Each structure stands twice: as structure tokens, then as C-alpha cells.
Amino acid sequence: MTDAILSQTIIDRFNAALDAAREAGEPEPTAMVLATSDCQGRVTTRTVLLKGLDRHGFVFFTNTGSRKGRQIDECPRAAATFLWKSTYCQVQLVGAVRPVTAEEADAYFATRDRGSQIGAWASLQSRTLDSRDTLEARVAEFEERYSGKDVPRPPHWSGYRLQPDSVEFWHGREFRLHDRTEYRWTDGNWAQRKLYP
């Protein structure tokens, strides 16, 4: 199966829905619930922020040693849902997950505020933490290490691109007669169909 390349129709439709959510005052319009699983099928979810979108997919960044990073390494497929309550709309994605390039990760890391950059070094994401004091001590350690210097991207911090082969747009309607449109990558093309609510 060839990798799915998003059509301009899907990108434009997504961006229009995202813009509408922003205009409606959605507090975190780029938030998406990301579901990953390990090779035993144990599924976990969490909310991450969308940081980029192009024809190759939806980009987010994280600690690669986190639970999601380890699960993506084991089973490089995921699902994600954007829910915008203010516009009664959601978008669901399912597809392969690929690492972004080092250049992409470096470029995005450089835009983060310094506190978040230090936090990326200090946090052993998803591992057991004995106390808040330990975390704060690690933050202080890295603040001292990089005092007066640019903070480089940690080797364990990068990004992923969810490259969907299925995209569904859902719009709420009266009496739960919702409007659902699915785009599915089939034989090298996007097939579109309406779904019952």
C-alpha cells in the first residue's frame, strides 16, 4: 500500500473547520486526542497539540521516550480526534505515524519558549517521579547548565507526522441526524462517501 498523500480538498476543509473553531473562541483549537497502542493492543490516549499540517500529514512533538513514543515505535499507526464544541464539529484521523526529520524538529524546538526547552531536558516523561522536588531540582540543573546559552534540542525530543489513510468530518445536526463525510485512501486515490449518523 502506498503512503497516502492528503488532497488539497481535505487540507482546505480541515483548515476551514479549524479557522471556524478559532473564530468561535475555542480555547485550544489545535488540541487533538491521540490514540496509540503497543504490540499487545493496549491502547492509550492523551491530548497533544497540532503543530503543522501539509500534504504528508498532521505534525505533533513529544518526548520520544514517553509512553506514546514507545508505542509509536512498536506499532507505528495511530488515531486522532479534534473536537470543537463551539462549532459542533469534529475531525477523526487514522493512519501511519512517521518521525519528522531532525531539521524539522530542530526548527520547531527553536521556536519554543526557554522554559519549555528546559522542561524538555528535565522531564523523564511517563517515568515514575518520586516527588515534585526532584523535578524542580532537574529543572534547576538544566537552567544552570544552559545559563547564558541557547538550549539545544534534546536527543529524546522530536516530532511525528500522522499520515492518515482515513479522514472523517463530523458536523452535529438537530435530532442527532449528524452529517458525516469520510475520505478513505483506496488504490492510490481518495474515495469520498457519506455515512449514516
N, C-alpha and C. Protein backbone atom coordinates (compact mmCIF):
# COMPACT_ATOMS: atom_id res chain seq x y z
N MET A 1 0.85 -1.20 0.00
CA MET A 1 0.00 0.00 0.00
C MET A 1 0.88 1.24 0.00
N THR A 2 0.64 2.14 -0.94
CA THR A 2 1.43 3.37 -0.99
C THR A 2 0.99 4.33 0.10
N ASP A 3 1.93 5.19 0.53
CA ASP A 3 1.60 6.17 1.55
C ASP A 3 0.56 7.15 1.02
N ALA A 4 -0.41 7.45 1.85
CA ALA A 4 -1.45 8.40 1.47
C ALA A 4 -0.91 9.82 1.48
N ILE A 5 -1.23 10.58 0.46
CA ILE A 5 -0.89 12.00 0.37
C ILE A 5 -2.20 12.77 0.46
N LEU A 6 -2.31 13.67 1.41
CA LEU A 6 -3.55 14.39 1.60
C LEU A 6 -3.90 15.23 0.38
N SER A 7 -5.17 15.18 0.01
CA SER A 7 -5.63 16.02 -1.11
C SER A 7 -5.80 17.45 -0.62
N GLN A 8 -5.75 18.40 -1.55
CA GLN A 8 -5.96 19.80 -1.19
C GLN A 8 -7.37 20.00 -0.66
N THR A 9 -8.32 19.20 -1.15
CA THR A 9 -9.70 19.30 -0.66
C THR A 9 -9.76 19.01 0.84
N ILE A 10 -9.07 17.94 1.28
CA ILE A 10 -9.08 17.57 2.70
C ILE A 10 -8.38 18.65 3.52
N ILE A 11 -7.22 19.12 3.05
CA ILE A 11 -6.48 20.16 3.77
C ILE A 11 -7.33 21.42 3.90
N ASP A 12 -7.95 21.85 2.81
CA ASP A 12 -8.76 23.07 2.84
C ASP A 12 -9.96 22.90 3.77
N ARG A 13 -10.59 21.74 3.73
CA ARG A 13 -11.76 21.51 4.58
C ARG A 13 -11.36 21.51 6.06
N PHE A 14 -10.22 20.88 6.35
CA PHE A 14 -9.74 20.88 7.73
C PHE A 14 -9.41 22.30 8.19
N ASN A 15 -8.67 23.03 7.38
CA ASN A 15 -8.29 24.39 7.76
C ASN A 15 -9.50 25.29 7.96
N ALA A 16 -10.53 25.10 7.14
CA ALA A 16 -11.76 25.89 7.31
C ALA A 16 -12.43 25.57 8.65
N ALA A 17 -12.46 24.28 9.02
CA ALA A 17 -13.05 23.89 10.30
C ALA A 17 -12.22 24.43 11.47
N LEU A 18 -10.89 24.37 11.34
CA LEU A 18 -10.01 24.90 12.39
C LEU A 18 -10.18 26.41 12.53
N ASP A 19 -10.24 27.12 11.42
CA ASP A 19 -10.44 28.57 11.47
C ASP A 19 -11.78 28.93 12.11
N ALA A 20 -12.81 28.17 11.79
CA ALA A 20 -14.13 28.43 12.37
C ALA A 20 -14.09 28.24 13.88
N ALA A 21 -13.36 27.20 14.34
CA ALA A 21 -13.24 26.95 15.78
C ALA A 21 -12.50 28.10 16.46
N ARG A 22 -11.44 28.58 15.82
CA ARG A 22 -10.69 29.72 16.38
C ARG A 22 -11.60 30.95 16.50
N GLU A 23 -12.33 31.23 15.42
CA GLU A 23 -13.19 32.41 15.40
C GLU A 23 -14.31 32.30 16.44
N ALA A 24 -14.74 31.06 16.73
CA ALA A 24 -15.80 30.84 17.72
C ALA A 24 -15.28 30.89 19.15
N GLY A 25 -13.96 31.06 19.31
CA GLY A 25 -13.40 31.18 20.65
C GLY A 25 -13.03 29.87 21.31
N GLU A 26 -12.85 28.81 20.53
CA GLU A 26 -12.43 27.53 21.09
C GLU A 26 -11.10 27.74 21.84
N PRO A 27 -11.01 27.33 23.13
CA PRO A 27 -9.82 27.65 23.92
C PRO A 27 -8.53 26.99 23.43
N GLU A 28 -8.60 25.78 22.92
CA GLU A 28 -7.41 25.08 22.40
C GLU A 28 -7.76 24.44 21.05
N PRO A 29 -7.91 25.24 20.01
CA PRO A 29 -8.40 24.68 18.74
C PRO A 29 -7.47 23.66 18.10
N THR A 30 -6.16 23.69 18.44
CA THR A 30 -5.23 22.73 17.83
C THR A 30 -5.09 21.45 18.66
N ALA A 31 -5.84 21.33 19.75
CA ALA A 31 -5.75 20.13 20.60
C ALA A 31 -6.39 18.94 19.90
N MET A 32 -5.68 17.82 19.92
CA MET A 32 -6.24 16.59 19.36
C MET A 32 -5.96 15.45 20.32
N VAL A 33 -6.95 14.58 20.49
CA VAL A 33 -6.78 13.39 21.31
C VAL A 33 -6.14 12.33 20.43
N LEU A 34 -4.96 11.90 20.85
CA LEU A 34 -4.16 10.95 20.08
C LEU A 34 -4.21 9.58 20.74
N ALA A 35 -4.59 8.56 19.97
CA ALA A 35 -4.64 7.18 20.47
C ALA A 35 -3.52 6.38 19.82
N THR A 36 -2.73 5.70 20.67
CA THR A 36 -1.67 4.82 20.20
C THR A 36 -1.80 3.50 20.92
N SER A 37 -1.11 2.47 20.43
CA SER A 37 -1.16 1.17 21.11
C SER A 37 0.18 0.48 21.02
N ASP A 38 0.40 -0.46 21.93
CA ASP A 38 1.61 -1.27 21.85
C ASP A 38 1.31 -2.52 21.02
N CYS A 39 2.29 -3.40 20.90
CA CYS A 39 2.10 -4.57 20.03
C CYS A 39 1.15 -5.60 20.63
N GLN A 40 0.78 -5.44 21.92
CA GLN A 40 -0.23 -6.31 22.52
C GLN A 40 -1.64 -5.72 22.38
N GLY A 41 -1.75 -4.58 21.74
CA GLY A 41 -3.06 -3.97 21.54
C GLY A 41 -3.55 -3.14 22.71
N ARG A 42 -2.67 -2.84 23.69
CA ARG A 42 -3.06 -1.97 24.80
C ARG A 42 -3.04 -0.53 24.30
N VAL A 43 -4.23 0.09 24.30
CA VAL A 43 -4.41 1.42 23.72
C VAL A 43 -4.37 2.47 24.82
N THR A 44 -3.70 3.59 24.55
CA THR A 44 -3.73 4.73 25.46
C THR A 44 -4.05 5.98 24.65
N THR A 45 -4.61 6.97 25.34
CA THR A 45 -4.92 8.25 24.70
C THR A 45 -4.37 9.38 25.54
N ARG A 46 -4.14 10.50 24.88
CA ARG A 46 -3.75 11.73 25.53
C ARG A 46 -4.01 12.87 24.56
N THR A 47 -3.97 14.09 25.06
CA THR A 47 -4.17 15.24 24.19
C THR A 47 -2.82 15.86 23.84
N VAL A 48 -2.61 16.09 22.56
CA VAL A 48 -1.40 16.77 22.08
C VAL A 48 -1.85 17.94 21.21
N LEU A 49 -0.91 18.80 20.86
CA LEU A 49 -1.24 19.97 20.04
C LEU A 49 -0.71 19.80 18.63
N LEU A 50 -1.56 20.10 17.67
CA LEU A 50 -1.15 20.10 16.27
C LEU A 50 -0.19 21.26 16.03
N LYS A 51 0.97 20.96 15.45
CA LYS A 51 1.96 21.99 15.21
C LYS A 51 2.27 22.19 13.73
N GLY A 52 1.68 21.40 12.87
CA GLY A 52 1.90 21.57 11.45
C GLY A 52 0.98 20.67 10.65
N LEU A 53 0.69 21.08 9.43
CA LEU A 53 -0.13 20.29 8.52
C LEU A 53 0.35 20.55 7.11
N ASP A 54 0.65 19.47 6.40
CA ASP A 54 0.98 19.57 4.98
C ASP A 54 0.43 18.34 4.27
N ARG A 55 0.77 18.16 3.02
CA ARG A 55 0.20 17.05 2.25
C ARG A 55 0.60 15.68 2.82
N HIS A 56 1.64 15.67 3.66
CA HIS A 56 2.11 14.40 4.23
C HIS A 56 1.51 14.11 5.60
N GLY A 57 0.76 15.05 6.17
CA GLY A 57 0.07 14.72 7.40
C GLY A 57 0.09 15.80 8.47
N PHE A 58 -0.29 15.36 9.68
CA PHE A 58 -0.52 16.22 10.84
C PHE A 58 0.64 16.03 11.82
N VAL A 59 1.32 17.11 12.18
CA VAL A 59 2.56 17.04 12.95
C VAL A 59 2.34 17.43 14.40
N PHE A 60 2.94 16.63 15.31
CA PHE A 60 2.98 16.96 16.74
C PHE A 60 4.36 16.60 17.27
N PHE A 61 4.71 17.15 18.44
CA PHE A 61 6.03 16.94 19.01
C PHE A 61 5.91 16.38 20.43
N THR A 62 6.94 15.62 20.84
CA THR A 62 6.90 14.99 22.16
C THR A 62 8.26 14.43 22.54
N ASN A 63 8.33 13.95 23.76
CA ASN A 63 9.48 13.18 24.23
C ASN A 63 9.35 11.77 23.62
N THR A 64 10.34 11.35 22.85
CA THR A 64 10.22 10.06 22.16
C THR A 64 10.31 8.87 23.12
N GLY A 65 10.78 9.12 24.35
CA GLY A 65 10.81 8.05 25.35
C GLY A 65 9.54 7.95 26.17
N SER A 66 8.56 8.80 25.88
CA SER A 66 7.28 8.77 26.58
C SER A 66 6.50 7.51 26.20
N ARG A 67 5.39 7.28 26.88
CA ARG A 67 4.56 6.12 26.55
C ARG A 67 4.13 6.16 25.09
N LYS A 68 3.68 7.33 24.62
CA LYS A 68 3.24 7.41 23.22
C LYS A 68 4.41 7.17 22.27
N GLY A 69 5.59 7.71 22.62
CA GLY A 69 6.75 7.50 21.77
C GLY A 69 7.13 6.04 21.68
N ARG A 70 7.10 5.35 22.81
CA ARG A 70 7.43 3.91 22.81
C ARG A 70 6.39 3.12 22.04
N GLN A 71 5.10 3.48 22.20
CA GLN A 71 4.05 2.76 21.48
C GLN A 71 4.15 3.00 19.98
N ILE A 72 4.43 4.23 19.59
CA ILE A 72 4.59 4.52 18.16
C ILE A 72 5.76 3.72 17.58
N ASP A 73 6.82 3.58 18.36
CA ASP A 73 7.97 2.79 17.91
C ASP A 73 7.57 1.34 17.69
N GLU A 74 6.74 0.79 18.59
CA GLU A 74 6.28 -0.60 18.48
C GLU A 74 5.24 -0.78 17.38
N CYS A 75 4.32 0.12 17.32
CA CYS A 75 3.17 0.00 16.40
C CYS A 75 2.92 1.37 15.75
N PRO A 76 3.55 1.64 14.61
CA PRO A 76 3.53 2.99 14.04
C PRO A 76 2.24 3.35 13.30
N ARG A 77 1.10 3.14 13.98
CA ARG A 77 -0.20 3.62 13.50
C ARG A 77 -0.90 4.28 14.67
N ALA A 78 -1.77 5.24 14.36
CA ALA A 78 -2.47 5.96 15.42
C ALA A 78 -3.78 6.50 14.89
N ALA A 79 -4.59 6.96 15.84
CA ALA A 79 -5.84 7.66 15.51
C ALA A 79 -5.84 8.95 16.31
N ALA A 80 -6.50 9.96 15.77
CA ALA A 80 -6.60 11.24 16.47
C ALA A 80 -7.97 11.85 16.20
N THR A 81 -8.45 12.59 17.18
CA THR A 81 -9.73 13.28 17.05
C THR A 81 -9.59 14.73 17.50
N PHE A 82 -10.05 15.64 16.66
CA PHE A 82 -10.24 17.04 17.02
C PHE A 82 -11.71 17.21 17.33
N LEU A 83 -12.04 17.78 18.49
CA LEU A 83 -13.43 18.06 18.85
C LEU A 83 -13.54 19.54 19.17
N TRP A 84 -14.36 20.23 18.39
CA TRP A 84 -14.59 21.65 18.59
C TRP A 84 -16.04 21.85 19.02
N LYS A 85 -16.25 21.91 20.33
CA LYS A 85 -17.61 22.00 20.86
C LYS A 85 -18.30 23.29 20.43
N SER A 86 -17.52 24.35 20.29
CA SER A 86 -18.12 25.65 19.96
C SER A 86 -18.76 25.66 18.58
N THR A 87 -18.29 24.79 17.67
CA THR A 87 -18.87 24.74 16.33
C THR A 87 -19.56 23.40 16.06
N TYR A 88 -19.65 22.56 17.08
CA TYR A 88 -20.31 21.27 16.97
C TYR A 88 -19.74 20.47 15.80
N CYS A 89 -18.41 20.38 15.79
CA CYS A 89 -17.70 19.74 14.69
C CYS A 89 -16.57 18.89 15.24
N GLN A 90 -16.28 17.79 14.57
CA GLN A 90 -15.08 17.03 14.90
C GLN A 90 -14.49 16.42 13.64
N VAL A 91 -13.20 16.15 13.72
CA VAL A 91 -12.47 15.50 12.63
C VAL A 91 -11.73 14.32 13.22
N GLN A 92 -11.86 13.17 12.58
CA GLN A 92 -11.17 11.96 13.02
C GLN A 92 -10.17 11.52 11.96
N LEU A 93 -8.98 11.13 12.43
CA LEU A 93 -7.90 10.69 11.55
C LEU A 93 -7.44 9.30 11.97
N VAL A 94 -7.10 8.47 11.00
CA VAL A 94 -6.50 7.16 11.27
C VAL A 94 -5.41 6.95 10.23
N GLY A 95 -4.22 6.52 10.70
CA GLY A 95 -3.18 6.26 9.71
C GLY A 95 -1.83 5.95 10.30
N ALA A 96 -0.84 5.95 9.44
CA ALA A 96 0.54 5.65 9.82
C ALA A 96 1.16 6.86 10.51
N VAL A 97 2.16 6.58 11.35
CA VAL A 97 2.90 7.63 12.03
C VAL A 97 4.37 7.49 11.67
N ARG A 98 4.97 8.61 11.27
CA ARG A 98 6.38 8.63 10.89
C ARG A 98 7.09 9.74 11.66
N PRO A 99 8.37 9.54 11.99
CA PRO A 99 9.12 10.63 12.63
C PRO A 99 9.33 11.78 11.64
N VAL A 100 9.35 13.00 12.16
CA VAL A 100 9.73 14.13 11.33
C VAL A 100 11.25 14.11 11.17
N THR A 101 11.78 14.93 10.29
CA THR A 101 13.23 15.00 10.12
C THR A 101 13.85 15.75 11.30
N ALA A 102 15.14 15.52 11.50
CA ALA A 102 15.87 16.24 12.55
C ALA A 102 15.79 17.74 12.31
N GLU A 103 15.83 18.15 11.05
CA GLU A 103 15.76 19.58 10.71
C GLU A 103 14.42 20.18 11.11
N GLU A 104 13.34 19.42 10.88
CA GLU A 104 12.02 19.91 11.29
C GLU A 104 11.92 20.03 12.80
N ALA A 105 12.44 19.01 13.50
CA ALA A 105 12.40 19.03 14.97
C ALA A 105 13.24 20.18 15.52
N ASP A 106 14.43 20.39 14.96
CA ASP A 106 15.29 21.49 15.41
C ASP A 106 14.59 22.84 15.20
N ALA A 107 14.00 23.01 14.03
CA ALA A 107 13.35 24.28 13.70
C ALA A 107 12.20 24.58 14.66
N TYR A 108 11.38 23.57 14.95
CA TYR A 108 10.26 23.82 15.87
C TYR A 108 10.77 24.05 17.30
N PHE A 109 11.75 23.23 17.74
CA PHE A 109 12.25 23.37 19.10
C PHE A 109 12.78 24.78 19.34
N ALA A 110 13.41 25.36 18.34
CA ALA A 110 13.97 26.71 18.47
C ALA A 110 12.91 27.77 18.68
N THR A 111 11.64 27.48 18.31
CA THR A 111 10.56 28.46 18.49
C THR A 111 9.91 28.38 19.87
N ARG A 112 10.22 27.33 20.62
CA ARG A 112 9.59 27.16 21.94
C ARG A 112 10.17 28.17 22.93
N ASP A 113 9.37 28.53 23.93
CA ASP A 113 9.93 29.43 24.94
C ASP A 113 10.98 28.67 25.76
N ARG A 114 11.87 29.42 26.35
CA ARG A 114 13.03 28.84 27.03
C ARG A 114 12.61 27.87 28.15
N GLY A 115 11.55 28.22 28.88
CA GLY A 115 11.09 27.34 29.96
C GLY A 115 10.67 25.97 29.44
N SER A 116 10.01 25.96 28.29
CA SER A 116 9.59 24.69 27.68
C SER A 116 10.80 23.91 27.16
N GLN A 117 11.80 24.64 26.65
CA GLN A 117 13.02 23.97 26.20
C GLN A 117 13.73 23.30 27.37
N ILE A 118 13.84 24.01 28.48
CA ILE A 118 14.47 23.43 29.68
C ILE A 118 13.65 22.25 30.18
N GLY A 119 12.32 22.40 30.15
CA GLY A 119 11.44 21.32 30.59
C GLY A 119 11.62 20.05 29.78
N ALA A 120 11.91 20.20 28.49
CA ALA A 120 12.13 19.03 27.64
C ALA A 120 13.35 18.24 28.08
N TRP A 121 14.35 18.93 28.60
CA TRP A 121 15.53 18.24 29.15
C TRP A 121 15.23 17.65 30.52
N ALA A 122 14.49 18.38 31.35
CA ALA A 122 14.29 17.99 32.74
C ALA A 122 13.30 16.84 32.92
N SER A 123 12.31 16.75 32.06
CA SER A 123 11.26 15.75 32.25
C SER A 123 11.63 14.40 31.65
N LEU A 124 11.54 13.37 32.48
CA LEU A 124 11.68 11.98 32.02
C LEU A 124 10.27 11.47 31.78
N GLN A 125 9.64 11.98 30.75
CA GLN A 125 8.20 11.84 30.55
C GLN A 125 7.73 10.39 30.63
N SER A 126 6.66 10.20 31.39
CA SER A 126 5.97 8.92 31.60
C SER A 126 6.70 7.99 32.58
N ARG A 127 7.87 8.36 33.06
CA ARG A 127 8.55 7.54 34.07
C ARG A 127 8.08 7.94 35.46
N THR A 128 8.32 7.08 36.45
CA THR A 128 7.90 7.35 37.82
C THR A 128 8.68 8.53 38.40
N LEU A 129 7.97 9.45 39.03
CA LEU A 129 8.56 10.61 39.69
C LEU A 129 8.32 10.49 41.19
N ASP A 130 9.39 10.51 41.98
CA ASP A 130 9.21 10.32 43.42
C ASP A 130 8.66 11.54 44.13
N SER A 131 8.98 12.74 43.62
CA SER A 131 8.44 13.95 44.24
C SER A 131 8.60 15.13 43.28
N ARG A 132 7.79 16.16 43.51
CA ARG A 132 7.89 17.39 42.72
C ARG A 132 9.27 18.03 42.91
N ASP A 133 9.83 17.87 44.12
CA ASP A 133 11.15 18.44 44.40
C ASP A 133 12.20 17.89 43.43
N THR A 134 12.10 16.62 43.10
CA THR A 134 13.06 16.01 42.17
C THR A 134 12.97 16.66 40.80
N LEU A 135 11.74 16.88 40.33
CA LEU A 135 11.55 17.54 39.03
C LEU A 135 12.12 18.96 39.07
N GLU A 136 11.81 19.69 40.12
CA GLU A 136 12.29 21.06 40.22
C GLU A 136 13.81 21.13 40.30
N ALA A 137 14.42 20.13 40.95
CA ALA A 137 15.88 20.07 41.01
C ALA A 137 16.47 19.82 39.63
N ARG A 138 15.80 18.98 38.83
CA ARG A 138 16.27 18.73 37.47
C ARG A 138 16.13 19.99 36.61
N VAL A 139 15.03 20.71 36.79
CA VAL A 139 14.86 21.97 36.06
C VAL A 139 16.01 22.92 36.41
N ALA A 140 16.31 23.06 37.70
CA ALA A 140 17.40 23.95 38.14
C ALA A 140 18.74 23.51 37.55
N GLU A 141 18.96 22.19 37.50
CA GLU A 141 20.21 21.66 36.95
C GLU A 141 20.40 22.08 35.49
N PHE A 142 19.33 21.95 34.70
CA PHE A 142 19.45 22.29 33.28
C PHE A 142 19.44 23.80 33.04
N GLU A 143 18.76 24.54 33.92
CA GLU A 143 18.85 26.00 33.82
C GLU A 143 20.28 26.46 34.04
N GLU A 144 20.96 25.83 35.00
CA GLU A 144 22.36 26.18 35.26
C GLU A 144 23.25 25.74 34.10
N ARG A 145 23.02 24.53 33.59
CA ARG A 145 23.84 24.00 32.50
C ARG A 145 23.80 24.91 31.28
N TYR A 146 22.62 25.46 30.98
CA TYR A 146 22.47 26.27 29.77
C TYR A 146 22.36 27.76 30.06
N SER A 147 22.79 28.16 31.23
CA SER A 147 22.76 29.58 31.58
C SER A 147 23.59 30.39 30.58
N GLY A 148 22.95 31.41 30.01
CA GLY A 148 23.64 32.27 29.06
C GLY A 148 23.87 31.64 27.70
N LYS A 149 23.28 30.47 27.44
CA LYS A 149 23.47 29.78 26.16
C LYS A 149 22.11 29.44 25.56
N ASP A 150 22.11 29.21 24.25
CA ASP A 150 20.92 28.65 23.62
C ASP A 150 20.73 27.23 24.11
N VAL A 151 19.47 26.82 24.27
CA VAL A 151 19.17 25.46 24.71
C VAL A 151 19.02 24.58 23.47
N PRO A 152 19.88 23.56 23.32
CA PRO A 152 19.77 22.69 22.16
C PRO A 152 18.60 21.71 22.32
N ARG A 153 18.16 21.16 21.22
CA ARG A 153 17.10 20.15 21.28
C ARG A 153 17.66 18.86 21.88
N PRO A 154 16.97 18.29 22.90
CA PRO A 154 17.44 17.02 23.46
C PRO A 154 17.33 15.90 22.42
N PRO A 155 18.21 14.91 22.49
CA PRO A 155 18.14 13.81 21.52
C PRO A 155 16.86 12.97 21.66
N HIS A 156 16.22 13.05 22.84
CA HIS A 156 15.00 12.27 23.08
C HIS A 156 13.73 13.07 22.79
N TRP A 157 13.85 14.22 22.17
CA TRP A 157 12.68 15.06 21.91
C TRP A 157 12.59 15.33 20.41
N SER A 158 11.45 14.99 19.83
CA SER A 158 11.30 15.17 18.39
C SER A 158 9.81 15.24 18.04
N GLY A 159 9.53 15.03 16.79
CA GLY A 159 8.15 15.12 16.33
C GLY A 159 7.75 13.93 15.50
N TYR A 160 6.44 13.82 15.29
CA TYR A 160 5.87 12.75 14.47
C TYR A 160 4.85 13.36 13.52
N ARG A 161 4.65 12.67 12.42
CA ARG A 161 3.65 13.09 11.44
C ARG A 161 2.65 11.96 11.29
N LEU A 162 1.40 12.22 11.66
CA LEU A 162 0.31 11.26 11.44
C LEU A 162 -0.15 11.42 10.01
N GLN A 163 0.04 10.37 9.23
CA GLN A 163 -0.26 10.40 7.79
C GLN A 163 -1.53 9.58 7.58
N PRO A 164 -2.69 10.22 7.63
CA PRO A 164 -3.94 9.45 7.64
C PRO A 164 -4.25 8.80 6.30
N ASP A 165 -4.85 7.61 6.41
CA ASP A 165 -5.44 6.98 5.23
C ASP A 165 -6.96 6.99 5.35
N SER A 166 -7.45 7.59 6.44
CA SER A 166 -8.89 7.79 6.64
C SER A 166 -9.08 9.11 7.38
N VAL A 167 -9.96 9.96 6.86
CA VAL A 167 -10.28 11.25 7.48
C VAL A 167 -11.80 11.38 7.47
N GLU A 168 -12.37 11.63 8.64
CA GLU A 168 -13.83 11.82 8.71
C GLU A 168 -14.15 13.18 9.30
N PHE A 169 -15.02 13.89 8.61
CA PHE A 169 -15.55 15.16 9.10
C PHE A 169 -16.96 14.93 9.62
N TRP A 170 -17.20 15.37 10.84
CA TRP A 170 -18.49 15.17 11.51
C TRP A 170 -19.03 16.54 11.91
N HIS A 171 -20.26 16.81 11.54
CA HIS A 171 -20.92 18.06 11.91
C HIS A 171 -22.25 17.72 12.59
N GLY A 172 -22.43 18.22 13.79
CA GLY A 172 -23.64 17.93 14.54
C GLY A 172 -24.87 18.58 13.92
N ARG A 173 -25.97 17.86 13.95
CA ARG A 173 -27.23 18.36 13.42
C ARG A 173 -28.36 18.06 14.41
N GLU A 174 -29.47 18.71 14.23
CA GLU A 174 -30.61 18.53 15.11
C GLU A 174 -31.11 17.09 15.09
N PHE A 175 -31.61 16.65 16.25
CA PHE A 175 -32.16 15.30 16.44
C PHE A 175 -31.12 14.20 16.19
N ARG A 176 -29.85 14.55 16.36
CA ARG A 176 -28.73 13.62 16.16
C ARG A 176 -28.65 13.06 14.74
N LEU A 177 -29.21 13.80 13.81
CA LEU A 177 -29.10 13.42 12.39
C LEU A 177 -27.86 14.10 11.81
N HIS A 178 -26.72 13.71 12.37
CA HIS A 178 -25.47 14.39 12.08
C HIS A 178 -25.01 14.17 10.63
N ASP A 179 -24.17 15.07 10.18
CA ASP A 179 -23.60 14.99 8.84
C ASP A 179 -22.20 14.41 8.95
N ARG A 180 -21.95 13.29 8.28
CA ARG A 180 -20.65 12.64 8.33
C ARG A 180 -20.14 12.39 6.91
N THR A 181 -18.91 12.81 6.66
CA THR A 181 -18.27 12.57 5.37
C THR A 181 -16.92 11.92 5.63
N GLU A 182 -16.69 10.79 5.00
CA GLU A 182 -15.43 10.07 5.16
C GLU A 182 -14.65 10.11 3.85
N TYR A 183 -13.35 10.37 3.99
CA TYR A 183 -12.41 10.26 2.88
C TYR A 183 -11.49 9.08 3.21
N ARG A 184 -11.39 8.13 2.29
CA ARG A 184 -10.56 6.95 2.54
C ARG A 184 -9.60 6.75 1.37
N TRP A 185 -8.32 6.54 1.69
CA TRP A 185 -7.29 6.32 0.69
C TRP A 185 -7.43 4.90 0.15
N THR A 186 -7.77 4.78 -1.10
CA THR A 186 -8.04 3.48 -1.72
C THR A 186 -7.41 3.43 -3.10
N ASP A 187 -6.53 2.46 -3.30
CA ASP A 187 -5.89 2.27 -4.62
C ASP A 187 -5.25 3.54 -5.15
N GLY A 188 -4.58 4.27 -4.25
CA GLY A 188 -3.84 5.44 -4.67
C GLY A 188 -4.66 6.70 -4.87
N ASN A 189 -5.92 6.68 -4.45
CA ASN A 189 -6.79 7.85 -4.57
C ASN A 189 -7.66 7.98 -3.33
N TRP A 190 -8.21 9.18 -3.14
CA TRP A 190 -9.13 9.40 -2.03
C TRP A 190 -10.56 9.16 -2.51
N ALA A 191 -11.22 8.19 -1.87
CA ALA A 191 -12.64 7.94 -2.14
C ALA A 191 -13.46 8.64 -1.07
N GLN A 192 -14.51 9.31 -1.48
CA GLN A 192 -15.36 10.05 -0.55
C GLN A 192 -16.72 9.36 -0.44
N ARG A 193 -17.25 9.29 0.77
CA ARG A 193 -18.60 8.75 0.93
C ARG A 193 -19.26 9.40 2.14
N LYS A 194 -20.59 9.45 2.11
CA LYS A 194 -21.37 9.92 3.26
C LYS A 194 -21.67 8.71 4.13
N LEU A 195 -21.75 8.95 5.46
CA LEU A 195 -22.06 7.90 6.42
C LEU A 195 -23.35 8.24 7.16
N TYR A 196 -24.09 7.21 7.49
CA TYR A 196 -25.24 7.43 8.36
C TYR A 196 -24.74 7.96 9.71
N PRO A 197 -25.54 8.80 10.36
CA PRO A 197 -25.13 9.32 11.68
C PRO A 197 -25.15 8.24 12.75
